[in-house]
C-alpha atoms as a PDB file:
ATOM      1  CA  MET A   1       0.057  -0.032   0.042  1.00  0.00           C
ATOM      2  CA  HIS A   2       1.426   3.410  -1.003  1.00  0.00           C
ATOM      3  CA  LYS A   3       1.983   5.931   1.875  1.00  0.00           C
ATOM      4  CA  VAL A   4      -0.389   9.014   2.160  1.00  0.00           C
ATOM      5  CA  MET A   5       0.621  12.102   0.737  1.00  0.00           C
ATOM      6  CA  GLU A   6       1.195  13.668   4.049  1.00  0.00           C
ATOM      7  CA  ASP A   7       3.663  10.990   4.946  1.00  0.00           C
ATOM      8  CA  TRP A   8       5.917  11.922   2.089  1.00  0.00           C
ATOM      9  CA  PRO A   9       8.533  14.597   3.318  1.00  0.00           C
ATOM     10  CA  THR A  10       8.905  17.308   0.830  1.00  0.00           C
ATOM     11  CA  GLY A  11      12.242  18.760   0.814  1.00  0.00           C
ATOM     12  CA  ARG A  12      13.675  16.430   3.586  1.00  0.00           C
ATOM     13  CA  ILE A  13      16.716  14.297   2.993  1.00  0.00           C
ATOM     14  CA  GLU A  14      15.860  10.528   3.007  1.00  0.00           C
ATOM     15  CA  ARG A  15      18.594   7.863   2.438  1.00  0.00           C
ATOM     16  CA  PRO A  16      17.132   4.727   0.913  1.00  0.00           C
ATOM     17  CA  HIS A  17      20.780   3.419   0.194  1.00  0.00           C
ATOM     18  CA  PRO A  18      24.133   4.351   1.736  1.00  0.00           C
ATOM     19  CA  LEU A  19      25.194   5.755  -1.722  1.00  0.00           C
ATOM     20  CA  VAL A  20      21.791   7.449  -2.357  1.00  0.00           C
ATOM     21  CA  ARG A  21      19.861  10.494  -0.809  1.00  0.00           C
ATOM     22  CA  ARG A  22      16.381  11.511  -2.020  1.00  0.00           C
ATOM     23  CA  LEU A  23      14.527  14.778  -1.841  1.00  0.00           C
ATOM     24  CA  LEU A  24      10.782  15.094  -2.942  1.00  0.00           C
ATOM     25  CA  ALA A  25       9.882  18.148  -4.898  1.00  0.00           C
ATOM     26  CA  PRO A  26       6.768  20.134  -3.803  1.00  0.00           C
ATOM     27  CA  ASN A  27       4.900  19.283  -7.103  1.00  0.00           C
ATOM     28  CA  PRO A  28       2.160  16.645  -6.155  1.00  0.00           C
ATOM     29  CA  SER A  29      -0.656  16.042  -8.628  1.00  0.00           C
ATOM     30  CA  PRO A  30      -3.001  13.321  -9.977  1.00  0.00           C
ATOM     31  CA  PHE A  31      -0.209  12.877 -12.551  1.00  0.00           C
ATOM     32  CA  THR A  32       3.016  12.929 -10.397  1.00  0.00           C
ATOM     33  CA  PHE A  33       1.571  11.319  -7.237  1.00  0.00           C
ATOM     34  CA  THR A  34       3.603  12.781  -4.292  1.00  0.00           C
ATOM     35  CA  GLY A  35       6.011  14.917  -6.608  1.00  0.00           C
ATOM     36  CA  THR A  36       9.163  14.469  -8.365  1.00  0.00           C
ATOM     37  CA  GLN A  37      11.948  12.728  -6.429  1.00  0.00           C
ATOM     38  CA  THR A  38      15.451  14.032  -6.927  1.00  0.00           C
ATOM     39  CA  TYR A  39      18.305  11.690  -6.123  1.00  0.00           C
ATOM     40  CA  ILE A  40      21.660  12.510  -5.000  1.00  0.00           C
ATOM     41  CA  VAL A  41      24.411   9.623  -5.563  1.00  0.00           C
ATOM     42  CA  GLY A  42      27.576   9.666  -3.795  1.00  0.00           C
ATOM     43  CA  GLU A  43      29.361  11.515  -0.973  1.00  0.00           C
ATOM     44  CA  GLY A  44      31.679  14.269  -1.434  1.00  0.00           C
ATOM     45  CA  GLU A  45      31.641  14.102  -5.132  1.00  0.00           C
ATOM     46  CA  VAL A  46      27.917  13.682  -6.136  1.00  0.00           C
ATOM     47  CA  ALA A  47      25.449  13.383  -9.140  1.00  0.00           C
ATOM     48  CA  VAL A  48      21.997  14.939  -8.908  1.00  0.00           C
ATOM     49  CA  ILE A  49      19.456  12.792 -10.846  1.00  0.00           C
ATOM     50  CA  ASP A  50      16.190  14.255 -12.128  1.00  0.00           C
ATOM     51  CA  PRO A  51      16.483  17.639 -10.496  1.00  0.00           C
ATOM     52  CA  GLY A  52      12.852  18.268 -10.965  1.00  0.00           C
ATOM     53  CA  PRO A  53      10.825  21.429 -11.539  1.00  0.00           C
ATOM     54  CA  ALA A  54      12.520  24.740 -11.076  1.00  0.00           C
ATOM     55  CA  PHE A  55      10.709  25.700  -7.792  1.00  0.00           C
ATOM     56  CA  PRO A  56      12.912  28.054  -5.611  1.00  0.00           C
ATOM     57  CA  ASP A  57      12.120  25.959  -2.462  1.00  0.00           C
ATOM     58  CA  HIS A  58      13.276  22.517  -4.208  1.00  0.00           C
ATOM     59  CA  VAL A  59      16.311  24.162  -5.744  1.00  0.00           C
ATOM     60  CA  ASP A  60      17.220  25.478  -2.242  1.00  0.00           C
ATOM     61  CA  ALA A  61      16.513  21.992  -0.707  1.00  0.00           C
ATOM     62  CA  VAL A  62      18.906  20.449  -3.239  1.00  0.00           C
ATOM     63  CA  LEU A  63      21.600  23.055  -2.598  1.00  0.00           C
ATOM     64  CA  ARG A  64      21.587  22.502   0.978  1.00  0.00           C
ATOM     65  CA  ALA A  65      21.754  18.827   0.647  1.00  0.00           C
ATOM     66  CA  VAL A  66      24.846  19.089  -1.362  1.00  0.00           C
ATOM     67  CA  ASP A  67      26.300  21.926   0.639  1.00  0.00           C
ATOM     68  CA  GLY A  68      30.192  21.446   0.917  1.00  0.00           C
ATOM     69  CA  GLU A  69      30.192  18.780  -1.589  1.00  0.00           C
ATOM     70  CA  ARG A  70      31.300  19.036  -5.356  1.00  0.00           C
ATOM     71  CA  VAL A  71      28.430  18.343  -7.817  1.00  0.00           C
ATOM     72  CA  ALA A  72      29.998  16.498 -10.627  1.00  0.00           C
ATOM     73  CA  ALA A  73      26.890  16.230 -12.816  1.00  0.00           C
ATOM     74  CA  ILE A  74      23.200  17.185 -12.989  1.00  0.00           C
ATOM     75  CA  MET A  75      21.623  14.210 -14.848  1.00  0.00           C
ATOM     76  CA  CYS A  76      18.035  14.113 -16.427  1.00  0.00           C
ATOM     77  CA  THR A  77      16.414  10.912 -17.488  1.00  0.00           C
ATOM     78  CA  HIS A  78      14.034  12.985 -20.014  1.00  0.00           C
ATOM     79  CA  THR A  79      12.948  16.381 -20.669  1.00  0.00           C
ATOM     80  CA  HIS A  80       9.263  16.765 -19.146  1.00  0.00           C
ATOM     81  CA  ARG A  81       8.904  19.922 -17.066  1.00  0.00           C
ATOM     82  CA  ASP A  82       8.610  18.115 -13.879  1.00  0.00           C
ATOM     83  CA  HIS A  83      12.096  16.550 -14.334  1.00  0.00           C
ATOM     84  CA  SER A  84      14.661  18.825 -16.053  1.00  0.00           C
ATOM     85  CA  PRO A  85      14.065  22.500 -15.460  1.00  0.00           C
ATOM     86  CA  ALA A  86      15.754  22.775 -12.115  1.00  0.00           C
ATOM     87  CA  SER A  87      18.933  21.799 -13.822  1.00  0.00           C
ATOM     88  CA  ARG A  88      19.787  25.254 -14.985  1.00  0.00           C
ATOM     89  CA  PRO A  89      19.525  27.146 -11.610  1.00  0.00           C
ATOM     90  CA  LEU A  90      21.361  24.077 -10.051  1.00  0.00           C
ATOM     91  CA  ALA A  91      24.050  24.409 -12.738  1.00  0.00           C
ATOM     92  CA  GLN A  92      24.379  27.982 -12.304  1.00  0.00           C
ATOM     93  CA  ALA A  93      24.751  27.675  -8.547  1.00  0.00           C
ATOM     94  CA  THR A  94      27.179  24.792  -8.533  1.00  0.00           C
ATOM     95  CA  GLY A  95      28.986  25.089 -11.909  1.00  0.00           C
ATOM     96  CA  ALA A  96      28.242  21.477 -12.656  1.00  0.00           C
ATOM     97  CA  PRO A  97      27.448  20.261 -16.115  1.00  0.00           C
ATOM     98  CA  ILE A  98      24.242  18.977 -17.106  1.00  0.00           C
ATOM     99  CA  VAL A  99      24.382  15.412 -18.458  1.00  0.00           C
ATOM    100  CA  GLY A 100      22.082  12.676 -19.524  1.00  0.00           C
ATOM    101  CA  CYS A 101      19.211  12.720 -22.079  1.00  0.00           C
ATOM    102  CA  ALA A 102      19.233  14.465 -25.342  1.00  0.00           C
ATOM    103  CA  PRO A 103      17.328  17.643 -25.759  1.00  0.00           C
ATOM    104  CA  LEU A 104      13.860  17.250 -27.229  1.00  0.00           C
ATOM    105  CA  ALA A 105      11.212  19.806 -27.946  1.00  0.00           C
ATOM    106  CA  ILE A 106       8.176  18.575 -29.542  1.00  0.00           C
ATOM    107  CA  GLU A 107       4.328  19.422 -29.146  1.00  0.00           C
ATOM    108  CA  ASP A 108       2.833  16.007 -28.440  1.00  0.00           C
ATOM    109  CA  GLU A 109      -0.522  17.321 -27.768  1.00  0.00           C
ATOM    110  CA  GLY A 110      -0.047  15.952 -24.178  1.00  0.00           C
ATOM    111  CA  ALA A 111      -3.054  15.895 -21.699  1.00  0.00           C
ATOM    112  CA  ARG A 112      -1.250  17.430 -18.742  1.00  0.00           C
ATOM    113  CA  ALA A 113       1.011  20.188 -17.891  1.00  0.00           C
ATOM    114  CA  ASP A 114       3.584  17.923 -16.360  1.00  0.00           C
ATOM    115  CA  GLU A 115       3.925  16.273 -19.753  1.00  0.00           C
ATOM    116  CA  ALA A 116       4.853  19.401 -21.646  1.00  0.00           C
ATOM    117  CA  PHE A 117       8.566  19.405 -22.702  1.00  0.00           C
ATOM    118  CA  ASP A 118      11.100  21.410 -21.274  1.00  0.00           C
ATOM    119  CA  PHE A 119      12.071  23.672 -24.214  1.00  0.00           C
ATOM    120  CA  ASP A 120      15.089  25.304 -22.711  1.00  0.00           C
ATOM    121  CA  TYR A 121      16.814  22.211 -21.767  1.00  0.00           C
ATOM    122  CA  SER A 122      20.449  22.254 -23.077  1.00  0.00           C
ATOM    123  CA  PRO A 123      22.875  19.489 -21.773  1.00  0.00           C
ATOM    124  CA  ASP A 124      26.557  19.732 -21.831  1.00  0.00           C
ATOM    125  CA  ARG A 125      26.877  16.048 -22.545  1.00  0.00           C
ATOM    126  CA  VAL A 126      24.503  13.635 -23.912  1.00  0.00           C
ATOM    127  CA  LEU A 127      24.931  10.017 -22.862  1.00  0.00           C
ATOM    128  CA  THR A 128      24.278   7.177 -25.141  1.00  0.00           C
ATOM    129  CA  ASP A 129      23.164   3.572 -24.194  1.00  0.00           C
ATOM    130  CA  GLU A 130      25.719   1.954 -22.076  1.00  0.00           C
ATOM    131  CA  GLU A 131      27.946   4.997 -21.634  1.00  0.00           C
ATOM    132  CA  ASN A 132      29.111   5.700 -18.262  1.00  0.00           C
ATOM    133  CA  LEU A 133      29.548   8.662 -15.891  1.00  0.00           C
ATOM    134  CA  ASP A 134      31.980   8.119 -13.217  1.00  0.00           C
ATOM    135  CA  GLY A 135      32.540   9.946  -9.919  1.00  0.00           C
ATOM    136  CA  ASP A 136      34.530   9.357  -6.603  1.00  0.00           C
ATOM    137  CA  GLY A 137      33.177   5.868  -5.366  1.00  0.00           C
ATOM    138  CA  TRP A 138      30.293   5.661  -7.810  1.00  0.00           C
ATOM    139  CA  SER A 139      29.587   4.918 -11.515  1.00  0.00           C
ATOM    140  CA  LEU A 140      26.493   5.572 -13.358  1.00  0.00           C
ATOM    141  CA  GLU A 141      25.552   3.771 -16.730  1.00  0.00           C
ATOM    142  CA  ALA A 142      23.044   5.061 -19.138  1.00  0.00           C
ATOM    143  CA  VAL A 143      20.308   2.620 -20.154  1.00  0.00           C
ATOM    144  CA  ALA A 144      18.307   3.840 -23.158  1.00  0.00           C
ATOM    145  CA  THR A 145      14.648   3.253 -22.599  1.00  0.00           C
ATOM    146  CA  PRO A 146      12.615   5.206 -25.156  1.00  0.00           C
ATOM    147  CA  GLY A 147       8.796   4.925 -24.985  1.00  0.00           C
ATOM    148  CA  HIS A 148       7.550   7.320 -22.504  1.00  0.00           C
ATOM    149  CA  THR A 149       9.539   9.705 -24.369  1.00  0.00           C
ATOM    150  CA  SER A 150      11.843   9.190 -27.265  1.00  0.00           C
ATOM    151  CA  ASN A 151      14.943  10.549 -25.228  1.00  0.00           C
ATOM    152  CA  HIS A 152      14.305   8.564 -22.159  1.00  0.00           C
ATOM    153  CA  LEU A 153      17.186   7.228 -20.241  1.00  0.00           C
ATOM    154  CA  CYS A 154      17.567   5.042 -16.849  1.00  0.00           C
ATOM    155  CA  PHE A 155      20.768   5.199 -14.944  1.00  0.00           C
ATOM    156  CA  ALA A 156      22.242   2.104 -13.327  1.00  0.00           C
ATOM    157  CA  LEU A 157      24.377   2.667 -10.275  1.00  0.00           C
ATOM    158  CA  ALA A 158      27.121   0.203 -10.469  1.00  0.00           C
ATOM    159  CA  GLY A 159      27.818  -2.455  -7.757  1.00  0.00           C
ATOM    160  CA  THR A 160      24.334  -1.947  -6.153  1.00  0.00           C
ATOM    161  CA  GLY A 161      21.740  -3.398  -8.516  1.00  0.00           C
ATOM    162  CA  ILE A 162      19.864   0.094  -8.293  1.00  0.00           C
ATOM    163  CA  LEU A 163      18.314   1.503 -11.600  1.00  0.00           C
ATOM    164  CA  PHE A 164      17.082   4.983 -11.243  1.00  0.00           C
ATOM    165  CA  SER A 165      14.148   4.368 -13.486  1.00  0.00           C
ATOM    166  CA  GLY A 166      12.727   7.854 -14.226  1.00  0.00           C
ATOM    167  CA  ASP A 167       9.269   7.493 -15.584  1.00  0.00           C
ATOM    168  CA  HIS A 168       9.855   4.432 -17.562  1.00  0.00           C
ATOM    169  CA  VAL A 169       8.761   2.309 -14.531  1.00  0.00           C
ATOM    170  CA  MET A 170       7.175   3.971 -11.497  1.00  0.00           C
ATOM    171  CA  GLY A 171       6.452   2.682  -8.184  1.00  0.00           C
ATOM    172  CA  TRP A 172       2.748   3.936  -8.191  1.00  0.00           C
ATOM    173  CA  SER A 173       1.158   3.872 -11.642  1.00  0.00           C
ATOM    174  CA  THR A 174       1.688   2.834 -15.225  1.00  0.00           C
ATOM    175  CA  THR A 175       3.520   5.258 -17.491  1.00  0.00           C
ATOM    176  CA  VAL A 176       1.667   7.535 -20.039  1.00  0.00           C
ATOM    177  CA  VAL A 177       2.764   7.077 -23.470  1.00  0.00           C
ATOM    178  CA  SER A 178       1.742  10.053 -25.473  1.00  0.00           C
ATOM    179  CA  PRO A 179       2.180  10.150 -29.460  1.00  0.00           C
ATOM    180  CA  PRO A 180       3.691  11.242 -31.465  1.00  0.00           C
ATOM    181  CA  ASP A 181       6.918  11.385 -29.360  1.00  0.00           C
ATOM    182  CA  GLY A 182       5.669   8.754 -26.968  1.00  0.00           C
ATOM    183  CA  ASP A 183       5.761   5.339 -28.791  1.00  0.00           C
ATOM    184  CA  MET A 184       4.168   1.950 -27.466  1.00  0.00           C
ATOM    185  CA  ALA A 185       6.241  -0.277 -29.565  1.00  0.00           C
ATOM    186  CA  LEU A 186       9.458   1.358 -28.055  1.00  0.00           C
ATOM    187  CA  TYR A 187       8.135   1.395 -24.609  1.00  0.00           C
ATOM    188  CA  MET A 188       7.161  -2.300 -24.831  1.00  0.00           C
ATOM    189  CA  ALA A 189      10.734  -3.019 -26.341  1.00  0.00           C
ATOM    190  CA  SER A 190      12.246  -1.062 -23.381  1.00  0.00           C
ATOM    191  CA  LEU A 191      10.290  -3.196 -20.778  1.00  0.00           C
ATOM    192  CA  ASP A 192      11.771  -6.344 -22.516  1.00  0.00           C
ATOM    193  CA  LYS A 193      15.089  -4.713 -22.226  1.00  0.00           C
ATOM    194  CA  LEU A 194      14.778  -4.407 -18.471  1.00  0.00           C
ATOM    195  CA  LEU A 195      13.765  -8.075 -18.142  1.00  0.00           C
ATOM    196  CA  GLU A 196      17.243  -8.994 -19.644  1.00  0.00           C
ATOM    197  CA  ARG A 197      18.965  -7.113 -16.676  1.00  0.00           C
ATOM    198  CA  SER A 198      19.460  -8.266 -13.154  1.00  0.00           C
ATOM    199  CA  ASP A 199      18.594  -5.092 -11.273  1.00  0.00           C
ATOM    200  CA  LEU A 200      17.620  -5.531  -7.630  1.00  0.00           C
ATOM    201  CA  ALA A 201      15.404  -2.449  -7.137  1.00  0.00           C
ATOM    202  CA  TYR A 202      14.185   0.557  -9.281  1.00  0.00           C
ATOM    203  CA  TYR A 203      14.293   3.964  -7.687  1.00  0.00           C
ATOM    204  CA  PRO A 204      11.638   5.875  -9.787  1.00  0.00           C
ATOM    205  CA  ALA A 205      10.919   9.559 -10.270  1.00  0.00           C
ATOM    206  CA  HIS A 206       7.492   9.227  -8.637  1.00  0.00           C
ATOM    207  CA  GLY A 207       6.227   6.642  -5.963  1.00  0.00           C
ATOM    208  CA  PRO A 208       7.938   4.223  -3.751  1.00  0.00           C
ATOM    209  CA  ALA A 209      10.998   2.053  -4.751  1.00  0.00           C
ATOM    210  CA  VAL A 210      10.187  -1.071  -6.828  1.00  0.00           C
ATOM    211  CA  GLU A 211      11.812  -3.926  -4.615  1.00  0.00           C
ATOM    212  CA  ASP A 212      10.651  -6.721  -7.139  1.00  0.00           C
ATOM    213  CA  PRO A 213      11.753  -5.344 -10.606  1.00  0.00           C
ATOM    214  CA  GLN A 214      11.598  -8.395 -12.738  1.00  0.00           C
ATOM    215  CA  ALA A 215       8.059  -9.405 -11.450  1.00  0.00           C
ATOM    216  CA  HIS A 216       6.989  -5.859 -11.677  1.00  0.00           C
ATOM    217  CA  VAL A 217       8.076  -5.500 -15.207  1.00  0.00           C
ATOM    218  CA  ARG A 218       6.361  -8.747 -16.090  1.00  0.00           C
ATOM    219  CA  ARG A 219       2.940  -7.183 -14.676  1.00  0.00           C
ATOM    220  CA  LEU A 220       3.473  -4.080 -16.689  1.00  0.00           C
ATOM    221  CA  ILE A 221       3.981  -6.107 -19.805  1.00  0.00           C
ATOM    222  CA  GLU A 222       0.918  -8.337 -19.037  1.00  0.00           C
ATOM    223  CA  HIS A 223      -1.105  -5.216 -18.323  1.00  0.00           C
ATOM    224  CA  ARG A 224      -0.422  -3.728 -21.664  1.00  0.00           C
ATOM    225  CA  ARG A 225      -1.206  -6.746 -23.481  1.00  0.00           C
ATOM    226  CA  MET A 226      -4.578  -6.876 -21.445  1.00  0.00           C
ATOM    227  CA  ARG A 227      -5.098  -3.228 -22.433  1.00  0.00           C
ATOM    228  CA  GLU A 228      -4.321  -3.995 -26.123  1.00  0.00           C
ATOM    229  CA  ARG A 229      -7.057  -6.940 -26.066  1.00  0.00           C
ATOM    230  CA  GLN A 230      -9.446  -4.581 -24.446  1.00  0.00           C
ATOM    231  CA  ILE A 231      -8.728  -1.891 -27.275  1.00  0.00           C
ATOM    232  CA  LEU A 232      -9.198  -4.499 -30.117  1.00  0.00           C
ATOM    233  CA  GLN A 233     -12.559  -5.448 -28.656  1.00  0.00           C
ATOM    234  CA  HIS A 234     -13.718  -1.936 -28.635  1.00  0.00           C
ATOM    235  CA  VAL A 235     -12.513  -1.250 -32.187  1.00  0.00           C
ATOM    236  CA  GLU A 236     -14.498  -4.355 -33.362  1.00  0.00           C
ATOM    237  CA  ALA A 237     -17.495  -2.926 -31.524  1.00  0.00           C
ATOM    238  CA  GLY A 238     -17.207   0.349 -33.539  1.00  0.00           C
ATOM    239  CA  ASP A 239     -16.509   2.380 -30.403  1.00  0.00           C
ATOM    240  CA  SER A 240     -14.714   5.893 -30.678  1.00  0.00           C
ATOM    241  CA  LEU A 241     -11.566   6.606 -28.778  1.00  0.00           C
ATOM    242  CA  PRO A 242     -13.361   8.706 -26.219  1.00  0.00           C
ATOM    243  CA  ALA A 243     -15.900   5.883 -25.686  1.00  0.00           C
ATOM    244  CA  MET A 244     -13.143   3.426 -25.101  1.00  0.00           C
ATOM    245  CA  VAL A 245     -11.507   5.451 -22.468  1.00  0.00           C
ATOM    246  CA  ALA A 246     -14.910   6.005 -20.632  1.00  0.00           C
ATOM    247  CA  VAL A 247     -15.206   2.133 -20.280  1.00  0.00           C
ATOM    248  CA  ILE A 248     -11.871   1.029 -19.958  1.00  0.00           C
ATOM    249  CA  TYR A 249     -10.926   3.642 -17.478  1.00  0.00           C
ATOM    250  CA  ARG A 250     -14.236   4.150 -15.870  1.00  0.00           C
ATOM    251  CA  GLU A 251     -12.915   3.368 -12.318  1.00  0.00           C
ATOM    252  CA  ILE A 252     -10.015   5.856 -12.452  1.00  0.00           C
ATOM    253  CA  ASP A 253     -10.042   9.590 -11.662  1.00  0.00           C
ATOM    254  CA  ARG A 254     -11.683  11.407 -14.644  1.00  0.00           C
ATOM    255  CA  ARG A 255      -8.943  14.102 -14.258  1.00  0.00           C
ATOM    256  CA  LEU A 256      -6.791  11.299 -15.639  1.00  0.00           C
ATOM    257  CA  HIS A 257      -8.915  10.467 -18.632  1.00  0.00           C
ATOM    258  CA  PRO A 258      -7.200  12.766 -21.040  1.00  0.00           C
ATOM    259  CA  ALA A 259      -3.845  11.123 -20.250  1.00  0.00           C
ATOM    260  CA  ALA A 260      -5.363   7.720 -20.594  1.00  0.00           C
ATOM    261  CA  GLU A 261      -6.683   8.716 -23.758  1.00  0.00           C
ATOM    262  CA  ARG A 262      -3.151   9.483 -25.106  1.00  0.00           C
ATOM    263  CA  SER A 263      -2.211   6.011 -23.919  1.00  0.00           C
ATOM    264  CA  VAL A 264      -4.983   4.277 -25.804  1.00  0.00           C
ATOM    265  CA  LEU A 265      -4.109   6.325 -28.759  1.00  0.00           C
ATOM    266  CA  ALA A 266      -0.380   4.954 -28.433  1.00  0.00           C
ATOM    267  CA  HIS A 267      -1.829   1.477 -28.560  1.00  0.00           C
ATOM    268  CA  LEU A 268      -3.966   2.222 -31.652  1.00  0.00           C
ATOM    269  CA  VAL A 269      -0.974   3.825 -33.440  1.00  0.00           C
ATOM    270  CA  ASP A 270       1.037   0.659 -32.660  1.00  0.00           C
ATOM    271  CA  LEU A 271      -1.696  -1.747 -33.706  1.00  0.00           C
ATOM    272  CA  GLU A 272      -2.005   0.365 -36.952  1.00  0.00           C
ATOM    273  CA  ALA A 273       1.674  -0.199 -37.747  1.00  0.00           C
ATOM    274  CA  ARG A 274       1.229  -3.910 -36.954  1.00  0.00           C
ATOM    275  CA  GLY A 275      -1.578  -4.043 -39.594  1.00  0.00           C
ATOM    276  CA  MET A 276      -4.214  -4.955 -37.078  1.00  0.00           C
ATOM    277  CA  VAL A 277      -6.418  -1.698 -37.264  1.00  0.00           C
ATOM    278  CA  ARG A 278      -6.817   1.127 -39.681  1.00  0.00           C
ATOM    279  CA  ARG A 279      -7.655   4.742 -39.089  1.00  0.00           C
ATOM    280  CA  GLU A 280     -10.645   6.356 -41.086  1.00  0.00           C
ATOM    281  CA  GLY A 281     -10.826   9.966 -39.985  1.00  0.00           C
ATOM    282  CA  THR A 282     -11.574   9.898 -36.107  1.00  0.00           C
ATOM    283  CA  ARG A 283     -12.708   6.312 -36.062  1.00  0.00           C
ATOM    284  CA  TRP A 284     -10.613   3.189 -35.893  1.00  0.00           C
ATOM    285  CA  THR A 285     -11.636  -0.103 -37.841  1.00  0.00           C
ATOM    286  CA  SER A 286     -10.410  -3.655 -37.362  1.00  0.00           C
ATOM    287  CA  ASN A 287      -8.419  -5.410 -40.022  1.00  0.00           C
ATOM    288  CA  GLY A 288      -9.189  -8.775 -38.222  1.00  0.00           C
END
């Protein structure tokens, strides 16, 4: 069971692992759960992962947490506005380079403000798949996991079994995949990629740590396959996209329905690419 929001300590340093500190940004919402979690890796020389939104209180909390230490890098898993904007004031305050995902600025017709892209993100160094960033006593490996966004990276902390999973795998909800940049086929391939790894825990940007990563990823894959079967049934019944969402997601907060519609659309785009459905204006028709 998830902790209630009041139990999550905004701005307070938590230490889930001897090499890792965590701070929660004050941006809770139906889409971010309790807010964005910023991670600090290392001691003395550190990396800051997913600096979060550029809220002064949060930036100040991160700076207090690393006071007296050298920030070797500010690392971003992707460039949604709840993840990367604080990289700039932190870089200005510390002199640290911004490292991680590639810049990306695309209007994706997303259904929520937190999903909008950070147009001003400008990294000093872009990491490619399996590329490492090393610090004193730690090493982080980039794991390319496109799907939620095309530029999404996870970061694996060598020698610990910890994967900082950003928004690719979260501890409280499934991931929104919003076309055209969000891609369901790539997202599923990235889940399969994680199954080939031997991580012991995921530290996501939202929600609690995932302590059973392999089983959790298998559940996510089966969930998406179940959604696909439901969507195909609705297409065969002649239902519109909004009608599908109203039925499939009838038990969730209606404020989440626009985001859910984006993920259903991502499934439909994937099914179209596989030749299983076709688009006719705003309607979808089965090829089965």
